[in-house]
């Protein structure tokens, strides 16, 4: 298997760009406990050192929840329509033929 080059290859020795069948159906979790703990530690550090800024940002986002929801629904609808179109192009929707 080819080895990854560049930054990924330097930081993750043995990382490959191709996957075998055993990798595809592997039962090994993709995110191990060390990563979860690191993300939790980063979140706790942000909460400890910037509680006021974090609370103000949360209130600002919450006040704009309608706009955020509208944009999110619009993006998901466009993605859904693109999926339907690609299925139609491949002939996977027989009721539209």
C-alpha atoms as a PDB file:
ATOM      1  CA  UNK A   1       0.000   0.000   0.000  1.00  0.00           C
ATOM      2  CA  UNK A   2       1.272   3.499  -0.730  1.00  0.00           C
ATOM      3  CA  UNK A   3       2.330   5.540   2.240  1.00  0.00           C
ATOM      4  CA  UNK A   4       0.878   9.004   2.774  1.00  0.00           C
ATOM      5  CA  UNK A   5       3.187  11.875   1.953  1.00  0.00           C
ATOM      6  CA  UNK A   6       3.449  15.389   3.297  1.00  0.00           C
ATOM      7  CA  UNK A   7       2.257  16.438   6.721  1.00  0.00           C
ATOM      8  CA  UNK A   8      -0.004  13.444   7.267  1.00  0.00           C
ATOM      9  CA  UNK A   9       2.831  11.019   6.566  1.00  0.00           C
ATOM     10  CA  UNK A  10       5.175  12.863   8.925  1.00  0.00           C
ATOM     11  CA  UNK A  11       2.782  12.946  11.862  1.00  0.00           C
ATOM     12  CA  UNK A  12       1.118   9.585  11.300  1.00  0.00           C
ATOM     13  CA  UNK A  13       3.711   7.033  10.254  1.00  0.00           C
ATOM     14  CA  UNK A  14       2.119   3.993   8.700  1.00  0.00           C
ATOM     15  CA  UNK A  15      -0.942   5.950   7.569  1.00  0.00           C
ATOM     16  CA  UNK A  16      -2.047   4.742   4.157  1.00  0.00           C
ATOM     17  CA  UNK A  17      -4.249   6.330   1.537  1.00  0.00           C
ATOM     18  CA  UNK A  18      -5.948   3.077   0.542  1.00  0.00           C
ATOM     19  CA  UNK A  19      -8.205   0.862   2.612  1.00  0.00           C
ATOM     20  CA  UNK A  20      -8.638  -2.866   2.404  1.00  0.00           C
ATOM     21  CA  UNK A  21     -11.839  -4.808   2.997  1.00  0.00           C
ATOM     22  CA  UNK A  22     -10.818  -5.507   6.576  1.00  0.00           C
ATOM     23  CA  UNK A  23     -10.507  -1.763   7.245  1.00  0.00           C
ATOM     24  CA  UNK A  24     -13.932  -1.040   5.777  1.00  0.00           C
ATOM     25  CA  UNK A  25     -15.724  -3.480   8.057  1.00  0.00           C
ATOM     26  CA  UNK A  26     -13.502  -3.036  11.087  1.00  0.00           C
ATOM     27  CA  UNK A  27     -15.194  -2.802  14.467  1.00  0.00           C
ATOM     28  CA  UNK A  28     -12.477  -0.535  15.828  1.00  0.00           C
ATOM     29  CA  UNK A  29     -13.985   2.831  16.806  1.00  0.00           C
ATOM     30  CA  UNK A  30     -12.780   5.717  14.692  1.00  0.00           C
ATOM     31  CA  UNK A  31     -12.379   8.066  17.644  1.00  0.00           C
ATOM     32  CA  UNK A  32     -10.480   6.591  20.544  1.00  0.00           C
ATOM     33  CA  UNK A  33     -10.689   7.566  24.196  1.00  0.00           C
ATOM     34  CA  UNK A  34      -7.556   9.716  24.043  1.00  0.00           C
ATOM     35  CA  UNK A  35      -9.138  12.026  21.446  1.00  0.00           C
ATOM     36  CA  UNK A  36     -12.359  12.302  23.442  1.00  0.00           C
ATOM     37  CA  UNK A  37     -10.407  13.247  26.549  1.00  0.00           C
ATOM     38  CA  UNK A  38      -8.368  15.799  24.604  1.00  0.00           C
ATOM     39  CA  UNK A  39     -11.515  17.429  23.198  1.00  0.00           C
ATOM     40  CA  UNK A  40     -13.086  17.442  26.655  1.00  0.00           C
ATOM     41  CA  UNK A  41      -9.947  19.031  28.123  1.00  0.00           C
ATOM     42  CA  UNK A  42      -9.928  21.751  25.443  1.00  0.00           C
ATOM     43  CA  UNK A  43     -13.618  22.457  26.066  1.00  0.00           C
ATOM     44  CA  UNK A  44     -13.041  22.696  29.825  1.00  0.00           C
ATOM     45  CA  UNK A  45     -10.093  25.061  29.326  1.00  0.00           C
ATOM     46  CA  UNK A  46     -12.217  27.342  27.157  1.00  0.00           C
ATOM     47  CA  UNK A  47     -14.987  27.288  29.747  1.00  0.00           C
ATOM     48  CA  UNK A  48     -12.577  28.065  32.603  1.00  0.00           C
ATOM     49  CA  UNK A  49     -10.597  30.845  30.938  1.00  0.00           C
ATOM     50  CA  UNK A  50     -13.315  32.569  28.907  1.00  0.00           C
ATOM     51  CA  UNK A  51     -16.654  31.998  30.670  1.00  0.00           C
ATOM     52  CA  UNK A  52     -18.016  35.523  30.069  1.00  0.00           C
ATOM     53  CA  UNK A  53     -17.052  35.598  26.402  1.00  0.00           C
ATOM     54  CA  UNK A  54     -18.423  32.117  25.874  1.00  0.00           C
ATOM     55  CA  UNK A  55     -21.722  33.033  27.542  1.00  0.00           C
ATOM     56  CA  UNK A  56     -22.044  36.227  25.467  1.00  0.00           C
ATOM     57  CA  UNK A  57     -21.338  34.296  22.268  1.00  0.00           C
ATOM     58  CA  UNK A  58     -23.908  31.683  23.225  1.00  0.00           C
ATOM     59  CA  UNK A  59     -26.536  34.399  23.840  1.00  0.00           C
ATOM     60  CA  UNK A  60     -25.715  36.045  20.492  1.00  0.00           C
ATOM     61  CA  UNK A  61     -26.085  32.775  18.620  1.00  0.00           C
ATOM     62  CA  UNK A  62     -29.281  31.964  20.517  1.00  0.00           C
ATOM     63  CA  UNK A  63     -30.758  35.340  19.552  1.00  0.00           C
ATOM     64  CA  UNK A  64     -30.095  34.495  15.895  1.00  0.00           C
ATOM     65  CA  UNK A  65     -31.461  30.953  16.123  1.00  0.00           C
ATOM     66  CA  UNK A  66     -34.206  31.596  13.559  1.00  0.00           C
ATOM     67  CA  UNK A  67     -31.692  32.701  10.937  1.00  0.00           C
ATOM     68  CA  UNK A  68     -29.364  29.807  11.731  1.00  0.00           C
ATOM     69  CA  UNK A  69     -32.257  27.352  11.487  1.00  0.00           C
ATOM     70  CA  UNK A  70     -33.450  28.786   8.152  1.00  0.00           C
ATOM     71  CA  UNK A  71     -29.967  28.566   6.630  1.00  0.00           C
ATOM     72  CA  UNK A  72     -29.486  25.042   7.951  1.00  0.00           C
ATOM     73  CA  UNK A  73     -32.833  23.851   6.565  1.00  0.00           C
ATOM     74  CA  UNK A  74     -32.058  25.500   3.207  1.00  0.00           C
ATOM     75  CA  UNK A  75     -28.645  23.827   2.947  1.00  0.00           C
ATOM     76  CA  UNK A  76     -30.064  20.419   3.899  1.00  0.00           C
ATOM     77  CA  UNK A  77     -32.895  20.818   1.356  1.00  0.00           C
ATOM     78  CA  UNK A  78     -30.440  21.678  -1.428  1.00  0.00           C
ATOM     79  CA  UNK A  79     -28.305  18.661  -0.485  1.00  0.00           C
ATOM     80  CA  UNK A  80     -31.403  16.431  -0.494  1.00  0.00           C
ATOM     81  CA  UNK A  81     -32.465  17.697  -3.927  1.00  0.00           C
ATOM     82  CA  UNK A  82     -28.945  17.128  -5.253  1.00  0.00           C
ATOM     83  CA  UNK A  83     -29.113  13.546  -3.949  1.00  0.00           C
ATOM     84  CA  UNK A  84     -32.441  12.996  -5.660  1.00  0.00           C
ATOM     85  CA  UNK A  85     -31.062  14.439  -8.904  1.00  0.00           C
ATOM     86  CA  UNK A  86     -27.993  12.209  -8.798  1.00  0.00           C
ATOM     87  CA  UNK A  87     -30.214   9.180  -8.138  1.00  0.00           C
ATOM     88  CA  UNK A  88     -32.390  10.203 -11.100  1.00  0.00           C
ATOM     89  CA  UNK A  89     -29.322  10.503 -13.337  1.00  0.00           C
ATOM     90  CA  UNK A  90     -28.229   6.981 -12.375  1.00  0.00           C
ATOM     91  CA  UNK A  91     -31.696   5.564 -13.040  1.00  0.00           C
ATOM     92  CA  UNK A  92     -32.388   4.707  -9.414  1.00  0.00           C
ATOM     93  CA  UNK A  93     -35.811   6.432  -9.383  1.00  0.00           C
ATOM     94  CA  UNK A  94     -38.002   4.359 -11.696  1.00  0.00           C
ATOM     95  CA  UNK A  95     -41.210   6.299 -10.990  1.00  0.00           C
ATOM     96  CA  UNK A  96     -39.783   9.416 -12.707  1.00  0.00           C
ATOM     97  CA  UNK A  97     -38.934   7.683 -15.985  1.00  0.00           C
END
